[in-house]
Amino acid sequence: MKWTSAILIAGVLAMALPLFFGGAGGPWLDSWFAWGTVRPVSNSPGLLFSLPIFGVAAFGLRSFFEWHSG
């Protein structure tokens, strides 16, 4: 898997998981998952982006698929 693919999938996961768990009004921001979660658009009431999920997913996907293809 190339870095661009890993970053694209990680970006989707980093936006989808916080929204899946309720967005800004849900339990995501009331738990320890709120650490590292940012609002990329200041006027958007529910759009969240999780930096830790993005980093771990990008590195993990890249490592996992490189390990299996080599």
C-alpha atoms as a PDB file:
ATOM      1  CA  MET A   1       0.000   0.000   0.000  1.00  0.00           C
ATOM      2  CA  LYS A   2       1.347   3.402  -0.913  1.00  0.00           C
ATOM      3  CA  TRP A   3       1.481   6.276   1.578  1.00  0.00           C
ATOM      4  CA  THR A   4      -1.183   8.207  -0.348  1.00  0.00           C
ATOM      5  CA  SER A   5      -3.657   5.334  -0.014  1.00  0.00           C
ATOM      6  CA  ALA A   6      -2.884   4.888   3.677  1.00  0.00           C
ATOM      7  CA  ILE A   7      -3.289   8.615   4.351  1.00  0.00           C
ATOM      8  CA  LEU A   8      -6.560   8.766   2.414  1.00  0.00           C
ATOM      9  CA  ILE A   9      -8.076   5.806   4.278  1.00  0.00           C
ATOM     10  CA  ALA A  10      -6.779   7.126   7.609  1.00  0.00           C
ATOM     11  CA  GLY A  11      -8.344  10.524   6.889  1.00  0.00           C
ATOM     12  CA  VAL A  12     -11.706   8.919   6.232  1.00  0.00           C
ATOM     13  CA  LEU A  13     -11.448   6.895   9.453  1.00  0.00           C
ATOM     14  CA  ALA A  14     -10.354   9.958  11.456  1.00  0.00           C
ATOM     15  CA  MET A  15     -13.511  11.800  10.373  1.00  0.00           C
ATOM     16  CA  ALA A  16     -15.949   8.879  10.331  1.00  0.00           C
ATOM     17  CA  LEU A  17     -15.305   7.423  13.789  1.00  0.00           C
ATOM     18  CA  PRO A  18     -16.014  10.619  15.779  1.00  0.00           C
ATOM     19  CA  LEU A  19     -19.156  11.237  13.704  1.00  0.00           C
ATOM     20  CA  PHE A  20     -20.259   7.627  14.165  1.00  0.00           C
ATOM     21  CA  PHE A  21     -20.031   8.059  17.942  1.00  0.00           C
ATOM     22  CA  GLY A  22     -22.254  11.133  18.032  1.00  0.00           C
ATOM     23  CA  GLY A  23     -20.057  13.951  16.779  1.00  0.00           C
ATOM     24  CA  ALA A  24     -19.781  17.069  18.917  1.00  0.00           C
ATOM     25  CA  GLY A  25     -22.940  16.297  20.889  1.00  0.00           C
ATOM     26  CA  GLY A  26     -22.228  12.645  21.551  1.00  0.00           C
ATOM     27  CA  PRO A  27     -20.075  10.672  23.940  1.00  0.00           C
ATOM     28  CA  TRP A  28     -16.927  11.126  21.831  1.00  0.00           C
ATOM     29  CA  LEU A  29     -16.041  14.519  23.337  1.00  0.00           C
ATOM     30  CA  ASP A  30     -17.127  13.479  26.844  1.00  0.00           C
ATOM     31  CA  SER A  31     -14.561  10.680  27.089  1.00  0.00           C
ATOM     32  CA  TRP A  32     -10.788  10.434  26.846  1.00  0.00           C
ATOM     33  CA  PHE A  33     -11.150  10.124  23.049  1.00  0.00           C
ATOM     34  CA  ALA A  34     -11.532  13.916  22.955  1.00  0.00           C
ATOM     35  CA  TRP A  35      -7.780  14.230  23.409  1.00  0.00           C
ATOM     36  CA  GLY A  36      -6.357  15.111  20.009  1.00  0.00           C
ATOM     37  CA  THR A  37      -9.736  15.676  18.376  1.00  0.00           C
ATOM     38  CA  VAL A  38     -10.026  18.968  16.523  1.00  0.00           C
ATOM     39  CA  ARG A  39     -12.751  20.821  14.659  1.00  0.00           C
ATOM     40  CA  PRO A  40     -11.280  21.395  11.174  1.00  0.00           C
ATOM     41  CA  VAL A  41     -13.997  23.905  10.236  1.00  0.00           C
ATOM     42  CA  SER A  42     -14.758  26.353  13.041  1.00  0.00           C
ATOM     43  CA  ASN A  43     -18.374  27.048  12.007  1.00  0.00           C
ATOM     44  CA  SER A  44     -19.287  23.390  11.578  1.00  0.00           C
ATOM     45  CA  PRO A  45     -21.301  22.134  14.556  1.00  0.00           C
ATOM     46  CA  GLY A  46     -20.522  18.419  14.197  1.00  0.00           C
ATOM     47  CA  LEU A  47     -17.461  17.860  12.021  1.00  0.00           C
ATOM     48  CA  LEU A  48     -14.572  16.408  14.040  1.00  0.00           C
ATOM     49  CA  PHE A  49     -11.131  15.082  13.068  1.00  0.00           C
ATOM     50  CA  SER A  50      -9.148  12.801  15.370  1.00  0.00           C
ATOM     51  CA  LEU A  51      -5.403  13.303  14.988  1.00  0.00           C
ATOM     52  CA  PRO A  52      -4.409  10.169  17.000  1.00  0.00           C
ATOM     53  CA  ILE A  53      -6.663   7.932  14.898  1.00  0.00           C
ATOM     54  CA  PHE A  54      -5.267   9.505  11.733  1.00  0.00           C
ATOM     55  CA  GLY A  55      -1.657   8.887  12.729  1.00  0.00           C
ATOM     56  CA  VAL A  56      -2.127   5.376  14.046  1.00  0.00           C
ATOM     57  CA  ALA A  57      -4.298   4.303  11.115  1.00  0.00           C
ATOM     58  CA  ALA A  58      -1.952   5.712   8.461  1.00  0.00           C
ATOM     59  CA  PHE A  59       1.145   4.146   9.992  1.00  0.00           C
ATOM     60  CA  GLY A  60      -0.655   0.893  10.839  1.00  0.00           C
ATOM     61  CA  LEU A  61      -2.169   0.415   7.394  1.00  0.00           C
ATOM     62  CA  ARG A  62       1.117   1.171   5.679  1.00  0.00           C
ATOM     63  CA  SER A  63       3.072  -1.177   7.953  1.00  0.00           C
ATOM     64  CA  PHE A  64       0.528  -3.991   7.779  1.00  0.00           C
ATOM     65  CA  PHE A  65       0.217  -4.051   4.010  1.00  0.00           C
ATOM     66  CA  GLU A  66       3.955  -3.595   3.408  1.00  0.00           C
ATOM     67  CA  TRP A  67       4.634  -6.501   5.731  1.00  0.00           C
ATOM     68  CA  HIS A  68       2.150  -8.735   3.901  1.00  0.00           C
ATOM     69  CA  SER A  69       3.283  -7.793   0.398  1.00  0.00           C
ATOM     70  CA  GLY A  70       6.994  -8.264   1.007  1.00  0.00           C
END
